[in-house]
N, C-alpha and C. Protein backbone atom coordinates (compact mmCIF):
# COMPACT_ATOMS: atom_id res chain seq x y z
N MET A 1 -187.57 -166.44 96.88
CA MET A 1 -188.00 -165.16 96.19
C MET A 1 -187.45 -163.73 96.29
N ASN A 2 -189.41 -164.54 96.94
CA ASN A 2 -190.43 -162.98 97.81
C ASN A 2 -189.63 -162.74 98.86
N LYS A 3 -189.31 -163.64 99.62
CA LYS A 3 -188.12 -163.34 101.02
C LYS A 3 -186.85 -162.39 100.25
N VAL A 4 -186.51 -162.76 99.04
CA VAL A 4 -185.13 -161.87 99.00
C VAL A 4 -185.09 -160.01 98.12
N ILE A 5 -187.04 -160.62 97.74
CA ILE A 5 -187.33 -159.18 97.19
C ILE A 5 -187.57 -157.88 98.62
N ALA A 6 -188.45 -158.61 99.31
CA ALA A 6 -188.68 -157.81 100.25
C ALA A 6 -187.80 -157.63 101.12
N PHE A 7 -186.89 -158.78 101.10
CA PHE A 7 -185.45 -157.92 102.35
C PHE A 7 -184.41 -156.79 101.33
N PHE A 8 -184.29 -157.22 99.94
CA PHE A 8 -184.13 -156.00 99.29
C PHE A 8 -184.76 -154.42 99.34
N LEU A 9 -186.33 -154.43 99.80
CA LEU A 9 -186.91 -153.80 99.78
C LEU A 9 -186.74 -153.01 101.09
N ILE A 10 -186.26 -153.41 102.04
CA ILE A 10 -186.43 -153.44 103.92
C ILE A 10 -185.01 -152.03 103.52
N PHE A 11 -184.37 -153.42 102.87
CA PHE A 11 -182.14 -152.89 102.49
C PHE A 11 -182.21 -151.29 102.06
N LEU A 12 -183.12 -150.97 101.27
CA LEU A 12 -183.20 -149.62 100.72
C LEU A 12 -183.77 -149.30 100.58
N LEU A 13 -185.44 -149.10 102.06
CA LEU A 13 -185.80 -148.22 102.93
C LEU A 13 -185.21 -147.62 103.97
N GLN A 14 -184.29 -148.73 104.70
CA GLN A 14 -183.56 -148.26 105.44
C GLN A 14 -182.00 -146.83 105.49
N SER A 15 -181.29 -147.69 104.12
CA SER A 15 -180.19 -147.36 103.63
C SER A 15 -180.51 -145.76 103.00
N CYS A 16 -181.72 -145.02 103.06
CA CYS A 16 -181.44 -143.58 102.47
C CYS A 16 -181.73 -142.87 103.72
N GLN A 17 -181.01 -143.08 105.10
CA GLN A 17 -180.98 -142.95 105.98
C GLN A 17 -179.12 -142.35 105.75
N PHE A 18 -178.60 -142.96 105.14
CA PHE A 18 -177.84 -143.20 105.73
C PHE A 18 -176.54 -141.76 104.41
N PHE A 19 -178.07 -141.72 102.65
CA PHE A 19 -177.92 -140.72 102.64
C PHE A 19 -177.91 -139.53 103.11
N ASP A 20 -178.40 -139.26 103.78
CA ASP A 20 -179.71 -138.05 104.59
C ASP A 20 -178.55 -137.35 105.63
N LYS A 21 -177.82 -136.66 105.33
CA LYS A 21 -177.01 -135.90 105.73
C LYS A 21 -177.53 -134.33 106.72
N LYS A 22 -177.00 -134.09 107.96
CA LYS A 22 -177.13 -132.04 107.75
C LYS A 22 -176.43 -132.26 107.32
N VAL A 23 -177.02 -130.98 107.07
CA VAL A 23 -176.56 -129.76 106.24
C VAL A 23 -176.08 -128.62 107.56
N PRO A 24 -174.66 -128.04 107.69
CA PRO A 24 -174.41 -127.03 108.04
C PRO A 24 -175.31 -125.75 108.31
N ASP A 25 -175.26 -125.18 109.23
CA ASP A 25 -176.44 -123.95 109.05
C ASP A 25 -175.50 -122.75 108.22
N GLU A 26 -175.71 -121.61 108.00
CA GLU A 26 -175.40 -120.80 106.83
C GLU A 26 -174.57 -120.07 107.71
N ASN A 27 -175.14 -119.67 108.90
CA ASN A 27 -174.15 -118.55 110.11
C ASN A 27 -173.15 -119.58 109.90
N VAL A 28 -172.60 -121.08 109.81
CA VAL A 28 -171.65 -121.28 110.38
C VAL A 28 -170.77 -121.04 109.44
N LEU A 29 -171.03 -121.53 107.91
CA LEU A 29 -170.44 -121.75 107.14
C LEU A 29 -169.73 -120.43 106.31
N LEU A 30 -170.46 -118.76 106.49
CA LEU A 30 -170.83 -117.62 106.13
C LEU A 30 -169.49 -117.58 107.74
N GLU A 31 -169.61 -117.76 108.49
CA GLU A 31 -168.33 -117.70 110.39
C GLU A 31 -167.00 -118.02 109.43
N GLN A 32 -167.02 -119.30 108.87
CA GLN A 32 -166.09 -120.29 108.49
C GLN A 32 -165.35 -119.34 107.14
N GLU A 33 -166.06 -119.57 107.02
CA GLU A 33 -166.03 -118.63 105.22
C GLU A 33 -165.10 -117.47 105.25
N LEU A 34 -165.47 -116.67 106.12
CA LEU A 34 -164.86 -115.21 106.48
C LEU A 34 -163.31 -115.36 107.31
N LYS A 35 -163.26 -116.23 107.92
CA LYS A 35 -162.07 -116.80 108.78
C LYS A 35 -161.17 -117.19 107.82
N LYS A 36 -161.49 -117.82 106.73
CA LYS A 36 -160.20 -117.89 105.25
C LYS A 36 -159.29 -116.66 104.92
N ILE A 37 -161.20 -115.34 104.74
CA ILE A 37 -160.45 -114.62 103.78
C ILE A 37 -158.83 -113.81 105.02
N ASN A 38 -158.16 -113.58 104.27
CA ASN A 38 -156.88 -112.48 104.43
C ASN A 38 -157.78 -111.08 104.44
N TRP A 39 -158.11 -110.70 105.40
CA TRP A 39 -158.66 -108.88 104.86
C TRP A 39 -157.37 -107.72 105.18
N LYS A 40 -156.17 -108.40 105.52
CA LYS A 40 -155.03 -107.21 105.12
C LYS A 40 -154.64 -106.86 103.76
N GLN A 41 -154.40 -108.39 103.12
CA GLN A 41 -154.29 -108.20 101.27
C GLN A 41 -155.00 -108.46 100.78
N VAL A 42 -154.71 -107.70 99.42
CA VAL A 42 -155.54 -107.64 98.51
C VAL A 42 -155.52 -108.29 97.46
N ASP A 43 -157.05 -109.30 96.72
CA ASP A 43 -155.85 -110.15 95.61
C ASP A 43 -155.11 -109.86 94.14
N GLU A 44 -155.52 -108.34 94.34
CA GLU A 44 -154.16 -107.50 93.14
C GLU A 44 -154.42 -105.90 93.38
N PHE A 45 -153.29 -105.17 93.40
CA PHE A 45 -153.51 -104.28 93.93
C PHE A 45 -153.65 -103.21 92.48
N PRO A 46 -154.02 -101.93 93.30
CA PRO A 46 -154.54 -100.41 92.19
C PRO A 46 -153.34 -100.87 90.76
N SER A 47 -153.43 -100.07 89.71
CA SER A 47 -152.99 -99.41 88.78
C SER A 47 -153.02 -99.46 88.14
N PHE A 48 -152.61 -98.24 87.57
CA PHE A 48 -152.29 -97.31 86.36
C PHE A 48 -152.51 -97.96 85.69
N THR A 49 -153.06 -97.48 84.38
CA THR A 49 -153.29 -98.05 82.70
C THR A 49 -152.11 -98.31 82.05
N ALA A 50 -151.39 -97.82 82.33
CA ALA A 50 -149.24 -97.52 82.01
C ALA A 50 -148.98 -98.78 82.65
N CYS A 51 -149.37 -99.87 83.38
CA CYS A 51 -148.78 -101.14 84.30
C CYS A 51 -149.53 -102.23 84.14
N ASP A 52 -151.12 -102.32 83.59
CA ASP A 52 -152.05 -103.39 83.48
C ASP A 52 -151.64 -104.29 82.35
N SER A 53 -150.88 -104.01 81.35
CA SER A 53 -150.26 -105.04 80.30
C SER A 53 -148.85 -105.60 80.89
N LEU A 54 -148.56 -105.64 82.28
CA LEU A 54 -147.76 -106.59 83.16
C LEU A 54 -148.18 -107.78 83.51
N SER A 55 -147.89 -108.76 82.60
CA SER A 55 -148.56 -109.77 84.01
C SER A 55 -147.76 -110.41 85.24
N ASP A 56 -146.67 -110.11 84.90
CA ASP A 56 -146.15 -110.94 86.70
C ASP A 56 -147.31 -109.76 87.57
N THR A 57 -147.45 -110.72 89.37
CA THR A 57 -147.47 -109.63 90.47
C THR A 57 -147.06 -108.51 90.44
N TYR A 58 -146.04 -109.32 90.66
CA TYR A 58 -144.54 -108.35 90.97
C TYR A 58 -144.08 -107.34 90.54
N SER A 59 -144.76 -107.49 88.97
CA SER A 59 -143.93 -106.20 88.57
C SER A 59 -145.15 -105.12 88.48
N LYS A 60 -146.54 -105.63 88.07
CA LYS A 60 -147.74 -104.57 88.62
C LYS A 60 -147.33 -103.40 89.94
N GLN A 61 -147.51 -104.51 90.49
CA GLN A 61 -147.28 -104.06 92.40
C GLN A 61 -145.89 -102.75 92.06
N SER A 62 -144.82 -103.22 91.28
CA SER A 62 -143.46 -102.18 91.67
C SER A 62 -144.11 -101.18 90.89
N CYS A 63 -144.72 -101.34 89.45
CA CYS A 63 -144.82 -100.03 88.54
C CYS A 63 -145.68 -99.63 89.38
N PHE A 64 -146.73 -100.07 89.77
CA PHE A 64 -147.58 -99.00 90.45
C PHE A 64 -147.71 -97.85 91.59
N TYR A 65 -146.23 -98.43 92.46
CA TYR A 65 -145.72 -97.12 93.73
C TYR A 65 -144.14 -96.83 92.49
N GLU A 66 -144.23 -97.43 91.96
CA GLU A 66 -142.65 -96.05 90.32
C GLU A 66 -143.68 -95.37 90.43
N THR A 67 -144.96 -95.91 89.51
CA THR A 67 -146.19 -94.40 89.34
C THR A 67 -146.54 -93.51 89.37
N LEU A 68 -146.45 -93.48 90.70
CA LEU A 68 -147.10 -93.32 92.11
C LEU A 68 -146.28 -92.39 92.56
N SER A 69 -145.44 -92.58 92.97
CA SER A 69 -143.65 -91.94 93.59
C SER A 69 -143.47 -91.20 92.30
N TYR A 70 -143.53 -91.10 91.19
CA TYR A 70 -142.97 -90.42 90.53
C TYR A 70 -144.63 -89.20 90.00
N GLN A 71 -145.04 -89.90 89.45
CA GLN A 71 -146.71 -88.30 89.84
C GLN A 71 -146.55 -87.65 90.75
N LEU A 72 -146.91 -87.81 92.01
CA LEU A 72 -146.60 -87.28 93.55
C LEU A 72 -144.83 -86.45 93.41
N HIS A 73 -144.44 -87.08 93.26
CA HIS A 73 -142.68 -85.64 93.19
C HIS A 73 -143.27 -84.79 92.06
N SER A 74 -143.33 -85.34 90.97
CA SER A 74 -143.49 -84.36 89.57
C SER A 74 -144.74 -83.09 90.13
N LYS A 75 -145.76 -83.46 90.96
CA LYS A 75 -146.96 -83.03 90.88
C LYS A 75 -145.95 -81.89 91.96
N LEU A 76 -145.92 -82.42 93.02
CA LEU A 76 -145.52 -81.05 94.10
C LEU A 76 -143.82 -81.28 94.19
N LYS A 77 -143.38 -80.89 93.94
CA LYS A 77 -141.57 -80.47 93.27
C LYS A 77 -141.60 -79.12 93.02
N ASP A 78 -142.62 -78.29 93.25
CA ASP A 78 -142.16 -77.01 92.87
C ASP A 78 -142.32 -76.16 94.28
N ASP A 79 -141.13 -75.63 94.78
CA ASP A 79 -140.53 -74.66 95.45
C ASP A 79 -141.70 -73.60 95.86
N SER A 80 -143.05 -73.86 95.78
CA SER A 80 -143.52 -73.28 96.67
C SER A 80 -143.97 -73.58 97.69
N ILE A 81 -144.00 -74.76 98.19
CA ILE A 81 -144.25 -75.72 99.18
C ILE A 81 -143.15 -75.23 100.36
N ALA A 82 -141.67 -75.77 99.25
CA ALA A 82 -139.90 -75.55 100.14
C ALA A 82 -140.43 -73.88 100.82
N LYS A 83 -141.18 -72.94 99.79
CA LYS A 83 -140.27 -71.68 100.24
C LYS A 83 -141.73 -71.24 101.76
N LEU A 84 -142.98 -72.06 101.35
CA LEU A 84 -144.38 -71.81 102.79
C LEU A 84 -143.21 -72.62 103.44
N PHE A 85 -143.45 -73.18 103.75
CA PHE A 85 -142.42 -74.92 104.87
C PHE A 85 -140.88 -74.55 104.62
N PRO A 86 -139.76 -74.07 104.92
CA PRO A 86 -138.68 -73.98 104.93
C PRO A 86 -138.14 -75.67 105.62
N GLN A 87 -139.26 -75.65 106.75
CA GLN A 87 -138.41 -77.06 107.40
C GLN A 87 -138.69 -78.06 106.76
N LEU A 88 -139.79 -78.06 106.01
CA LEU A 88 -139.44 -79.58 105.65
C LEU A 88 -139.03 -79.63 104.71
N ASP A 89 -138.36 -81.11 104.53
CA ASP A 89 -137.39 -81.61 103.49
C ASP A 89 -138.36 -83.13 102.67
N THR A 90 -139.20 -83.33 103.40
CA THR A 90 -139.80 -84.94 103.33
C THR A 90 -140.67 -84.79 103.86
N ILE A 91 -142.22 -84.68 103.26
CA ILE A 91 -143.56 -84.93 103.10
C ILE A 91 -143.71 -86.64 103.43
N GLN A 92 -144.96 -87.13 104.21
CA GLN A 92 -145.58 -87.86 103.77
C GLN A 92 -146.43 -87.63 103.38
N VAL A 93 -147.05 -88.51 102.73
CA VAL A 93 -148.60 -88.52 102.45
C VAL A 93 -149.36 -89.90 102.00
N LYS A 94 -150.43 -89.40 102.49
CA LYS A 94 -151.24 -90.68 102.24
C LYS A 94 -152.12 -90.72 101.92
N VAL A 95 -152.25 -91.01 100.75
CA VAL A 95 -153.25 -91.74 99.04
C VAL A 95 -154.36 -92.98 99.82
N ILE A 96 -154.93 -92.16 99.55
CA ILE A 96 -156.32 -93.02 99.11
C ILE A 96 -156.70 -93.29 98.33
N ILE A 97 -157.16 -94.70 97.77
CA ILE A 97 -157.89 -94.70 96.60
C ILE A 97 -159.04 -95.47 97.18
N SER A 98 -160.37 -95.10 95.89
CA SER A 98 -161.68 -95.68 96.59
C SER A 98 -161.69 -96.62 95.71
N SER A 99 -162.87 -97.34 96.13
CA SER A 99 -163.45 -98.88 95.50
C SER A 99 -164.02 -97.78 94.30
N ASN A 100 -164.62 -96.70 93.54
CA ASN A 100 -165.29 -96.15 92.92
C ASN A 100 -164.14 -95.35 91.41
N SER A 101 -162.28 -95.79 92.38
CA SER A 101 -160.94 -94.89 91.43
C SER A 101 -161.11 -93.43 91.80
N ASP A 102 -161.65 -92.71 92.68
CA ASP A 102 -161.71 -91.27 93.49
C ASP A 102 -160.22 -91.76 94.24
N VAL A 103 -159.19 -90.58 93.80
CA VAL A 103 -157.69 -90.38 94.82
C VAL A 103 -158.09 -89.41 95.23
N ASN A 104 -157.56 -89.58 96.94
CA ASN A 104 -157.70 -87.73 97.89
C ASN A 104 -156.39 -88.55 98.49
N PHE A 105 -156.10 -87.49 98.70
CA PHE A 105 -154.11 -87.09 99.42
C PHE A 105 -154.26 -86.36 100.12
N GLU A 106 -153.67 -86.75 101.48
CA GLU A 106 -153.43 -86.09 102.68
C GLU A 106 -152.03 -85.84 103.39
N ALA A 107 -152.11 -85.10 103.55
CA ALA A 107 -150.75 -84.58 104.03
C ALA A 107 -150.26 -85.17 105.81
N ILE A 108 -148.94 -85.74 105.95
CA ILE A 108 -149.41 -86.55 107.24
C ILE A 108 -147.80 -85.45 107.87
N ILE A 109 -147.76 -84.79 107.88
CA ILE A 109 -146.78 -84.32 109.16
C ILE A 109 -147.34 -84.61 110.94
N SER A 110 -146.09 -84.70 111.35
CA SER A 110 -145.59 -85.08 112.44
C SER A 110 -146.31 -83.97 114.21
N ASP A 111 -145.78 -82.69 113.36
CA ASP A 111 -146.00 -81.70 114.57
C ASP A 111 -146.45 -80.49 113.69
N SER A 112 -147.93 -80.92 114.07
CA SER A 112 -149.04 -80.27 113.58
C SER A 112 -149.60 -78.84 114.16
N ILE A 113 -148.78 -78.26 115.18
CA ILE A 113 -148.38 -77.18 115.54
C ILE A 113 -147.42 -76.45 114.71
N ALA A 114 -146.56 -76.40 114.11
CA ALA A 114 -145.52 -75.62 113.87
C ALA A 114 -145.80 -75.43 112.17
N TYR A 115 -146.73 -76.27 111.54
CA TYR A 115 -147.51 -76.04 110.12
C TYR A 115 -148.81 -76.23 110.36
N ASN A 116 -149.50 -75.00 108.92
CA ASN A 116 -151.09 -74.47 108.96
C ASN A 116 -151.18 -75.96 107.80
N LYS A 117 -151.99 -76.92 108.65
CA LYS A 117 -152.22 -78.37 107.79
C LYS A 117 -153.06 -77.35 106.71
N VAL A 118 -154.36 -77.28 106.86
CA VAL A 118 -155.44 -76.55 106.23
C VAL A 118 -154.23 -75.75 104.85
N GLN A 119 -153.72 -75.31 104.95
CA GLN A 119 -152.60 -74.74 103.91
C GLN A 119 -151.70 -75.39 102.85
N LEU A 120 -151.19 -76.69 103.48
CA LEU A 120 -151.02 -77.26 103.64
C LEU A 120 -151.70 -78.14 102.17
N ASP A 121 -152.60 -78.77 103.15
CA ASP A 121 -154.07 -79.70 102.05
C ASP A 121 -154.63 -78.45 100.91
N SER A 122 -154.83 -77.28 101.24
CA SER A 122 -155.02 -76.50 99.77
C SER A 122 -153.97 -76.51 99.09
N ILE A 123 -152.57 -76.08 98.81
CA ILE A 123 -151.81 -76.76 98.51
C ILE A 123 -151.26 -78.05 97.68
N PHE A 124 -151.57 -78.97 98.24
CA PHE A 124 -152.06 -80.57 97.36
C PHE A 124 -152.91 -80.85 96.97
N GLN A 125 -154.49 -79.88 97.12
CA GLN A 125 -155.90 -80.27 96.52
C GLN A 125 -155.62 -79.61 95.14
N LEU A 126 -154.51 -78.32 94.94
CA LEU A 126 -154.59 -77.69 93.98
C LEU A 126 -153.53 -78.20 93.09
N ARG A 127 -152.29 -78.44 93.61
CA ARG A 127 -151.78 -79.05 92.72
C ARG A 127 -151.69 -80.77 92.21
N LEU A 128 -152.74 -82.08 92.43
CA LEU A 128 -152.83 -83.00 92.39
C LEU A 128 -154.17 -83.55 91.89
N THR A 129 -155.26 -81.92 91.44
CA THR A 129 -156.50 -82.19 90.48
C THR A 129 -156.12 -83.43 89.81
N ASP A 130 -155.53 -83.16 88.28
CA ASP A 130 -155.24 -83.50 87.81
C ASP A 130 -154.47 -84.45 87.50
N PHE A 131 -154.91 -85.60 88.30
CA PHE A 131 -154.03 -86.68 89.16
C PHE A 131 -154.09 -88.04 87.83
N PRO A 132 -153.51 -88.48 87.18
CA PRO A 132 -153.82 -89.95 86.52
C PRO A 132 -154.90 -90.98 87.17
N LYS A 133 -155.85 -91.43 86.43
CA LYS A 133 -156.83 -92.41 87.01
C LYS A 133 -156.04 -93.56 87.71
N ILE A 134 -156.47 -94.19 88.51
CA ILE A 134 -156.19 -95.34 89.57
C ILE A 134 -156.99 -96.55 89.21
N ASN A 135 -157.05 -97.35 88.74
CA ASN A 135 -157.84 -98.18 89.46
C ASN A 135 -157.44 -98.99 90.36
N PRO A 136 -158.62 -99.17 90.53
CA PRO A 136 -159.16 -99.73 92.70
C PRO A 136 -158.62 -101.00 92.73
N ALA A 137 -158.15 -101.21 93.71
CA ALA A 137 -157.82 -102.42 94.59
C ALA A 137 -158.89 -103.38 94.03
N ILE A 138 -158.61 -104.72 94.52
CA ILE A 138 -159.47 -106.06 93.70
C ILE A 138 -159.66 -106.95 94.86
N LYS A 139 -160.44 -107.29 95.95
CA LYS A 139 -160.81 -107.99 96.65
C LYS A 139 -161.63 -109.62 96.38
N ARG A 140 -161.23 -110.46 96.26
CA ARG A 140 -162.48 -111.02 95.50
C ARG A 140 -163.57 -111.15 94.70
N GLY A 141 -162.70 -110.41 93.52
CA GLY A 141 -163.61 -109.74 93.07
C GLY A 141 -164.03 -108.40 92.41
N VAL A 142 -164.05 -108.14 94.06
CA VAL A 142 -164.62 -107.19 93.62
C VAL A 142 -163.58 -106.07 94.38
N PRO A 143 -163.97 -103.94 93.52
CA PRO A 143 -163.48 -103.08 93.92
C PRO A 143 -162.90 -102.78 94.93
N VAL A 144 -162.06 -102.53 95.56
CA VAL A 144 -162.32 -102.33 98.00
C VAL A 144 -161.08 -100.89 97.23
N LYS A 145 -161.78 -100.62 98.37
CA LYS A 145 -160.43 -99.06 98.82
C LYS A 145 -159.35 -99.82 99.34
N SER A 146 -158.60 -98.59 99.20
CA SER A 146 -157.18 -98.83 100.04
C SER A 146 -156.63 -97.82 99.88
N GLU A 147 -155.14 -97.84 100.69
CA GLU A 147 -154.88 -96.39 101.32
C GLU A 147 -153.21 -97.29 101.25
N PHE A 148 -152.38 -96.21 100.88
CA PHE A 148 -150.96 -95.98 100.61
C PHE A 148 -150.24 -95.20 101.47
N GLN A 149 -149.07 -95.14 102.32
CA GLN A 149 -148.47 -93.56 102.51
C GLN A 149 -147.21 -93.55 101.92
N LEU A 150 -146.47 -92.95 100.99
CA LEU A 150 -145.37 -92.42 100.67
C LEU A 150 -144.74 -91.18 100.85
N PRO A 151 -143.37 -91.40 100.84
CA PRO A 151 -142.80 -90.59 101.30
C PRO A 151 -141.89 -88.90 99.96
N VAL A 152 -142.55 -87.89 99.63
CA VAL A 152 -142.24 -86.85 98.87
C VAL A 152 -140.78 -86.12 99.43
N ILE A 153 -139.96 -85.99 98.81
CA ILE A 153 -138.70 -85.19 98.90
C ILE A 153 -139.20 -83.52 97.94
N LEU A 154 -139.05 -82.77 98.71
CA LEU A 154 -139.26 -81.80 98.72
C LEU A 154 -137.53 -81.02 98.24
N ASN A 155 -137.97 -80.82 96.99
CA ASN A 155 -136.26 -79.54 96.27
C ASN A 155 -136.00 -78.54 96.87
N LYS A 156 -134.64 -78.61 97.55
CA LYS A 156 -134.30 -77.68 98.46
C LYS A 156 -133.39 -76.75 97.38
N GLU A 157 -134.19 -75.89 96.83
CA GLU A 157 -132.84 -74.88 96.20
C GLU A 157 -132.13 -73.64 96.50
N ASP A 158 -131.06 -73.39 96.85
CA ASP A 158 -131.22 -72.16 97.08
C ASP A 158 -130.06 -70.97 96.53
């Protein structure tokens, strides 16, 4: 019986090494986790308060783009841009939404020599000052900066 207990104790002491596994280095684990993340996409798109009630991701995204386009068009449709820049019929607008919900707008013009970018930017800042609040995009539970580029068609009334 003593031999069985001694054998059992030796087996127990030896079996501890089977449970002792090497823990991977934290830098290795971090690199593996960072490789899994798709940095080109967000988990949740930015949204307007009106779009928050929608449950479907595609519907929320569609609502966001439609509301953003409508707001931009309604605020920039005034004919002052058309009078100052008669050659422009469409302006590409870069919308930058920061992680703290600040919204900035930038006009993207392909021919910067032909247009006074400073004047156009000042018109943008003047027209888009009271833009509705946009909730930032979410990536892994953290608000992140996002950028969008949308065309705004200017009304030409002759």
